[in-house]
Every structure is written in C-alpha cells, then in structure tokens.
Amino acid sequence: MKLRFPDKLIKPLAAKYQYQNSDAELNELKPIICKRGSLTLIELELIARWKSPRSAGHVRKNERAYVKEITKFSLHGDNERARIETLTLLSGVSWPMASVILHFFHKDPYPILDYRALWSVGAQVPKQYSFDTWWPYVEFCRKIARRSRVDMRTLDRALWQYSKENQKR
C-alpha cells in the first residue's frame, strides 16, 4: 500500500470532508458506549444508518442480548481478528460496518473500511473482505497517522475525501 497523496495534505483534505451523515451522534455515544463496554440494539441501528441506511433494517433482526454480548466481546477482546470478525456475526453487520464500530468505539485506532479509502492507499477492493485484507490496511493506516501526527478520524476523512475528488467512477 502507498498513500496516493503527500502526508501534508491529510489535514487540508480532512477539513473539506463532507459526508451525508454527521459524526455528531456517534461522537455523543462514544463516552457512553466506552463506559458501558457494549452496544445496545438501538445504538447499532444508529451506526448502521450512519454507514449504510439500507442495512439498518437487517440490524433490527438481532436480539438485544446478542448485540450486547457480541459487541462486549469485540470491544474488550485481545485478539485483532476476533475483534473484527465477531462483529460480522451480527445480522446486517458487514466488514465495513464492523470497522465503523471499532473506529468510533474501541480504545485503539481503527480506520473505516471503505472502497474510497482503500483506493486512496492504492489497495484493491476485494470481492470478499477478510482479515488478510483488513489487518494490513489497519497497520498501514496506523503508521500513516503516527507519522503524520493525526488521529485516525482525520486520516479516515482525508482518505475518503481524496477519493471523492480524484477517483474516476
């Protein structure tokens, strides 16, 4: 992987970021979820509407207790693969949605898995996501964020924005 733009453009690109849904609700939930250590079904639906409104209906199929147990395990587990893959056991939660949960609510920095962000780091979007795609992307993004002295949200916004401005459809 290689960042398609110079590190010095991360902050300016992130400043131009505009997404259909605001981060405000998710940011308000962060201290609550981090303190509790798990998500509720309602919170999972809110996250689903932020990432992919079409999947919100599928998320409603989950039992409340199942959402709590799976998200508690993911947010507190020590194994990277288990953190991401257990979230995909939830109905309506794909790899990109699972990455949003980790991005906003895990103590460690995680990028959001998105075709735009992958393009901005020169990675191919696989036909099917797997840990072998996910983990190198996480490590690469963590390295870039450290090197550029930005948080993961700033880097994530910059990757998305760069693709929006430069990727041909």
C-alpha atoms as a PDB file:
ATOM      1  CA  MET A   1       0.000   0.000   0.000  1.00  0.00           C
ATOM      2  CA  LYS A   2       1.062   3.529  -0.708  1.00  0.00           C
ATOM      3  CA  LEU A   3      -0.697   6.762   0.096  1.00  0.00           C
ATOM      4  CA  ARG A   4      -1.675   8.418  -3.204  1.00  0.00           C
ATOM      5  CA  PHE A   5      -1.045  11.913  -1.852  1.00  0.00           C
ATOM      6  CA  PRO A   6       1.578  13.588   0.344  1.00  0.00           C
ATOM      7  CA  ASP A   7       1.116  13.431   4.128  1.00  0.00           C
ATOM      8  CA  LYS A   8       0.996  17.232   4.273  1.00  0.00           C
ATOM      9  CA  LEU A   9      -2.404  17.113   2.504  1.00  0.00           C
ATOM     10  CA  ILE A  10      -4.072  14.967   5.184  1.00  0.00           C
ATOM     11  CA  LYS A  11      -5.336  17.852   7.304  1.00  0.00           C
ATOM     12  CA  PRO A  12      -6.481  20.041   4.370  1.00  0.00           C
ATOM     13  CA  LEU A  13      -8.313  17.106   2.767  1.00  0.00           C
ATOM     14  CA  ALA A  14      -9.924  16.136   6.074  1.00  0.00           C
ATOM     15  CA  ALA A  15     -11.111  19.732   6.525  1.00  0.00           C
ATOM     16  CA  LYS A  16     -13.019  19.503   3.205  1.00  0.00           C
ATOM     17  CA  TYR A  17     -14.701  16.205   4.153  1.00  0.00           C
ATOM     18  CA  GLN A  18     -18.472  16.187   3.826  1.00  0.00           C
ATOM     19  CA  TYR A  19     -20.450  13.003   4.301  1.00  0.00           C
ATOM     20  CA  GLN A  20     -24.176  12.527   4.003  1.00  0.00           C
ATOM     21  CA  ASN A  21     -24.425  11.874   7.755  1.00  0.00           C
ATOM     22  CA  SER A  22     -22.788  13.802  10.564  1.00  0.00           C
ATOM     23  CA  ASP A  23     -20.450  12.186  13.076  1.00  0.00           C
ATOM     24  CA  ALA A  24     -22.118  14.153  15.889  1.00  0.00           C
ATOM     25  CA  GLU A  25     -24.484  11.414  17.110  1.00  0.00           C
ATOM     26  CA  LEU A  26     -21.766   8.789  17.075  1.00  0.00           C
ATOM     27  CA  ASN A  27     -19.375  11.106  18.898  1.00  0.00           C
ATOM     28  CA  GLU A  28     -22.025  11.737  21.568  1.00  0.00           C
ATOM     29  CA  LEU A  29     -22.407   7.985  22.059  1.00  0.00           C
ATOM     30  CA  LYS A  30     -18.681   7.323  22.415  1.00  0.00           C
ATOM     31  CA  PRO A  31     -18.276   8.048  26.148  1.00  0.00           C
ATOM     32  CA  ILE A  32     -21.493   6.179  26.971  1.00  0.00           C
ATOM     33  CA  ILE A  33     -20.561   3.083  24.964  1.00  0.00           C
ATOM     34  CA  CYS A  34     -16.952   3.106  26.130  1.00  0.00           C
ATOM     35  CA  LYS A  35     -18.066   3.287  29.779  1.00  0.00           C
ATOM     36  CA  ARG A  36     -20.658   0.512  29.342  1.00  0.00           C
ATOM     37  CA  GLY A  37     -18.337  -1.557  27.128  1.00  0.00           C
ATOM     38  CA  SER A  38     -21.002  -2.721  24.685  1.00  0.00           C
ATOM     39  CA  LEU A  39     -23.645  -1.505  22.242  1.00  0.00           C
ATOM     40  CA  THR A  40     -27.402  -1.653  22.508  1.00  0.00           C
ATOM     41  CA  LEU A  41     -29.561  -2.660  19.568  1.00  0.00           C
ATOM     42  CA  ILE A  42     -30.724   0.958  19.190  1.00  0.00           C
ATOM     43  CA  GLU A  43     -27.115   2.176  19.072  1.00  0.00           C
ATOM     44  CA  LEU A  44     -26.258  -0.481  16.498  1.00  0.00           C
ATOM     45  CA  GLU A  45     -29.180   0.718  14.356  1.00  0.00           C
ATOM     46  CA  LEU A  46     -27.917   4.298  14.605  1.00  0.00           C
ATOM     47  CA  ILE A  47     -24.442   3.199  13.472  1.00  0.00           C
ATOM     48  CA  ALA A  48     -25.988   1.222  10.622  1.00  0.00           C
ATOM     49  CA  ARG A  49     -27.964   4.269   9.449  1.00  0.00           C
ATOM     50  CA  TRP A  50     -24.757   6.329   9.524  1.00  0.00           C
ATOM     51  CA  LYS A  51     -22.737   3.854   7.457  1.00  0.00           C
ATOM     52  CA  SER A  52     -25.328   2.247   5.224  1.00  0.00           C
ATOM     53  CA  PRO A  53     -29.005   3.142   5.715  1.00  0.00           C
ATOM     54  CA  ARG A  54     -30.081   0.062   3.750  1.00  0.00           C
ATOM     55  CA  SER A  55     -28.551  -2.271   6.342  1.00  0.00           C
ATOM     56  CA  ALA A  56     -30.388  -0.690   9.295  1.00  0.00           C
ATOM     57  CA  GLY A  57     -33.383  -2.958   8.705  1.00  0.00           C
ATOM     58  CA  HIS A  58     -31.193  -6.062   8.797  1.00  0.00           C
ATOM     59  CA  VAL A  59     -29.640  -4.935  12.073  1.00  0.00           C
ATOM     60  CA  ARG A  60     -33.094  -4.935  13.710  1.00  0.00           C
ATOM     61  CA  LYS A  61     -33.167  -8.742  13.320  1.00  0.00           C
ATOM     62  CA  ASN A  62     -30.593  -9.092  16.117  1.00  0.00           C
ATOM     63  CA  GLU A  63     -31.666  -9.883  19.658  1.00  0.00           C
ATOM     64  CA  ARG A  64     -30.744  -7.230  22.228  1.00  0.00           C
ATOM     65  CA  ALA A  65     -28.782  -9.648  24.398  1.00  0.00           C
ATOM     66  CA  TYR A  66     -26.868 -10.950  21.369  1.00  0.00           C
ATOM     67  CA  VAL A  67     -25.840  -7.421  20.348  1.00  0.00           C
ATOM     68  CA  LYS A  68     -24.660  -6.703  23.872  1.00  0.00           C
ATOM     69  CA  GLU A  69     -22.666  -9.944  24.129  1.00  0.00           C
ATOM     70  CA  ILE A  70     -21.026  -9.738  20.694  1.00  0.00           C
ATOM     71  CA  THR A  71     -20.085  -6.068  20.996  1.00  0.00           C
ATOM     72  CA  LYS A  72     -18.801  -6.536  24.547  1.00  0.00           C
ATOM     73  CA  PHE A  73     -16.554  -9.356  23.355  1.00  0.00           C
ATOM     74  CA  SER A  74     -15.321  -7.315  20.388  1.00  0.00           C
ATOM     75  CA  LEU A  75     -14.594  -4.134  22.328  1.00  0.00           C
ATOM     76  CA  HIS A  76     -12.745  -5.996  25.092  1.00  0.00           C
ATOM     77  CA  GLY A  77     -11.069  -8.856  23.231  1.00  0.00           C
ATOM     78  CA  ASP A  78      -7.293  -9.025  22.907  1.00  0.00           C
ATOM     79  CA  ASN A  79      -7.182 -10.736  19.525  1.00  0.00           C
ATOM     80  CA  GLU A  80      -7.402  -8.443  16.497  1.00  0.00           C
ATOM     81  CA  ARG A  81      -9.057 -10.991  14.281  1.00  0.00           C
ATOM     82  CA  ALA A  82     -11.649 -11.821  16.920  1.00  0.00           C
ATOM     83  CA  ARG A  83     -12.438  -8.122  17.420  1.00  0.00           C
ATOM     84  CA  ILE A  84     -13.491  -7.555  13.820  1.00  0.00           C
ATOM     85  CA  GLU A  85     -14.813 -10.967  12.809  1.00  0.00           C
ATOM     86  CA  THR A  86     -17.135 -11.421  15.795  1.00  0.00           C
ATOM     87  CA  LEU A  87     -18.963  -8.226  14.827  1.00  0.00           C
ATOM     88  CA  THR A  88     -19.774  -9.732  11.441  1.00  0.00           C
ATOM     89  CA  LEU A  89     -21.800 -12.420  13.238  1.00  0.00           C
ATOM     90  CA  LEU A  90     -24.458  -9.767  13.824  1.00  0.00           C
ATOM     91  CA  SER A  91     -27.194  -9.563  11.188  1.00  0.00           C
ATOM     92  CA  GLY A  92     -26.644  -6.561   8.947  1.00  0.00           C
ATOM     93  CA  VAL A  93     -23.023  -6.053  10.025  1.00  0.00           C
ATOM     94  CA  SER A  94     -20.512  -6.473   7.221  1.00  0.00           C
ATOM     95  CA  TRP A  95     -16.784  -5.801   7.409  1.00  0.00           C
ATOM     96  CA  PRO A  96     -17.202  -2.085   6.607  1.00  0.00           C
ATOM     97  CA  MET A  97     -19.882  -1.697   9.307  1.00  0.00           C
ATOM     98  CA  ALA A  98     -17.767  -3.636  11.809  1.00  0.00           C
ATOM     99  CA  SER A  99     -14.879  -1.283  11.050  1.00  0.00           C
ATOM    100  CA  VAL A 100     -17.112   1.704  11.881  1.00  0.00           C
ATOM    101  CA  ILE A 101     -17.866   0.192  15.292  1.00  0.00           C
ATOM    102  CA  LEU A 102     -14.181  -0.271  16.033  1.00  0.00           C
ATOM    103  CA  HIS A 103     -13.314   3.140  14.554  1.00  0.00           C
ATOM    104  CA  PHE A 104     -15.662   5.064  16.815  1.00  0.00           C
ATOM    105  CA  PHE A 105     -15.896   2.904  19.936  1.00  0.00           C
ATOM    106  CA  HIS A 106     -12.680   0.960  20.514  1.00  0.00           C
ATOM    107  CA  LYS A 107      -9.850   2.479  22.515  1.00  0.00           C
ATOM    108  CA  ASP A 108      -7.333   1.574  19.792  1.00  0.00           C
ATOM    109  CA  PRO A 109      -7.285   3.471  16.486  1.00  0.00           C
ATOM    110  CA  TYR A 110      -9.006   1.749  13.566  1.00  0.00           C
ATOM    111  CA  PRO A 111      -9.697   3.052  10.054  1.00  0.00           C
ATOM    112  CA  ILE A 112     -13.071   2.626   8.397  1.00  0.00           C
ATOM    113  CA  LEU A 113     -13.046   0.017   5.658  1.00  0.00           C
ATOM    114  CA  ASP A 114     -14.443   1.723   2.583  1.00  0.00           C
ATOM    115  CA  TYR A 115     -13.811   1.428  -1.152  1.00  0.00           C
ATOM    116  CA  ARG A 116     -12.868   5.117  -1.281  1.00  0.00           C
ATOM    117  CA  ALA A 117     -10.292   4.819   1.492  1.00  0.00           C
ATOM    118  CA  LEU A 118      -8.828   1.652   0.001  1.00  0.00           C
ATOM    119  CA  TRP A 119      -8.430   3.402  -3.350  1.00  0.00           C
ATOM    120  CA  SER A 120      -6.624   6.305  -1.655  1.00  0.00           C
ATOM    121  CA  VAL A 121      -3.971   3.912  -0.340  1.00  0.00           C
ATOM    122  CA  GLY A 122      -3.636   2.053  -3.634  1.00  0.00           C
ATOM    123  CA  ALA A 123      -5.341  -1.107  -2.397  1.00  0.00           C
ATOM    124  CA  GLN A 124      -7.753  -3.209  -4.424  1.00  0.00           C
ATOM    125  CA  VAL A 125     -11.271  -3.705  -3.139  1.00  0.00           C
ATOM    126  CA  PRO A 126     -11.582  -7.469  -2.739  1.00  0.00           C
ATOM    127  CA  LYS A 127     -14.624  -9.425  -3.853  1.00  0.00           C
ATOM    128  CA  GLN A 128     -14.949 -10.576  -0.266  1.00  0.00           C
ATOM    129  CA  TYR A 129     -13.353  -8.924   2.751  1.00  0.00           C
ATOM    130  CA  SER A 130     -11.204 -10.973   5.093  1.00  0.00           C
ATOM    131  CA  PHE A 131      -8.762 -10.470   7.917  1.00  0.00           C
ATOM    132  CA  ASP A 132      -5.940 -10.741   5.372  1.00  0.00           C
ATOM    133  CA  THR A 133      -7.284  -7.588   3.702  1.00  0.00           C
ATOM    134  CA  TRP A 134      -8.277  -5.811   6.892  1.00  0.00           C
ATOM    135  CA  TRP A 135      -5.215  -6.168   9.094  1.00  0.00           C
ATOM    136  CA  PRO A 136      -2.538  -4.860   6.663  1.00  0.00           C
ATOM    137  CA  TYR A 137      -4.847  -1.895   5.973  1.00  0.00           C
ATOM    138  CA  VAL A 138      -5.169  -1.174   9.719  1.00  0.00           C
ATOM    139  CA  GLU A 139      -1.418  -1.369  10.240  1.00  0.00           C
ATOM    140  CA  PHE A 140      -0.739   0.857   7.231  1.00  0.00           C
ATOM    141  CA  CYS A 141      -3.233   3.491   8.396  1.00  0.00           C
ATOM    142  CA  ARG A 142      -1.854   3.446  11.937  1.00  0.00           C
ATOM    143  CA  LYS A 143       1.629   4.004  10.548  1.00  0.00           C
ATOM    144  CA  ILE A 144       0.478   6.930   8.397  1.00  0.00           C
ATOM    145  CA  ALA A 145      -1.480   8.503  11.278  1.00  0.00           C
ATOM    146  CA  ARG A 146       1.533   8.236  13.629  1.00  0.00           C
ATOM    147  CA  ARG A 147       3.932   9.546  11.018  1.00  0.00           C
ATOM    148  CA  SER A 148       1.649  12.480  10.194  1.00  0.00           C
ATOM    149  CA  ARG A 149       0.679  13.127  13.802  1.00  0.00           C
ATOM    150  CA  VAL A 150      -3.051  12.977  13.152  1.00  0.00           C
ATOM    151  CA  ASP A 151      -5.795  10.942  14.763  1.00  0.00           C
ATOM    152  CA  MET A 152      -7.444   8.134  12.848  1.00  0.00           C
ATOM    153  CA  ARG A 153     -10.646  10.118  12.245  1.00  0.00           C
ATOM    154  CA  THR A 154      -8.664  12.858  10.496  1.00  0.00           C
ATOM    155  CA  LEU A 155      -6.813  10.340   8.333  1.00  0.00           C
ATOM    156  CA  ASP A 156     -10.022   8.486   7.528  1.00  0.00           C
ATOM    157  CA  ARG A 157     -11.728  11.691   6.406  1.00  0.00           C
ATOM    158  CA  ALA A 158      -8.736  12.611   4.246  1.00  0.00           C
ATOM    159  CA  LEU A 159      -8.679   9.199   2.543  1.00  0.00           C
ATOM    160  CA  TRP A 160     -12.400   9.406   1.768  1.00  0.00           C
ATOM    161  CA  GLN A 161     -12.187  12.984   0.525  1.00  0.00           C
ATOM    162  CA  TYR A 162      -9.178  12.356  -1.698  1.00  0.00           C
ATOM    163  CA  SER A 163     -11.021   9.518  -3.416  1.00  0.00           C
ATOM    164  CA  LYS A 164     -14.162  11.595  -3.802  1.00  0.00           C
ATOM    165  CA  GLU A 165     -12.154  14.305  -5.560  1.00  0.00           C
ATOM    166  CA  ASN A 166      -9.885  12.066  -7.666  1.00  0.00           C
ATOM    167  CA  GLN A 167     -11.264   8.564  -8.211  1.00  0.00           C
ATOM    168  CA  LYS A 168     -12.926   8.027 -11.552  1.00  0.00           C
ATOM    169  CA  ARG A 169     -16.252   6.215 -11.375  1.00  0.00           C
END
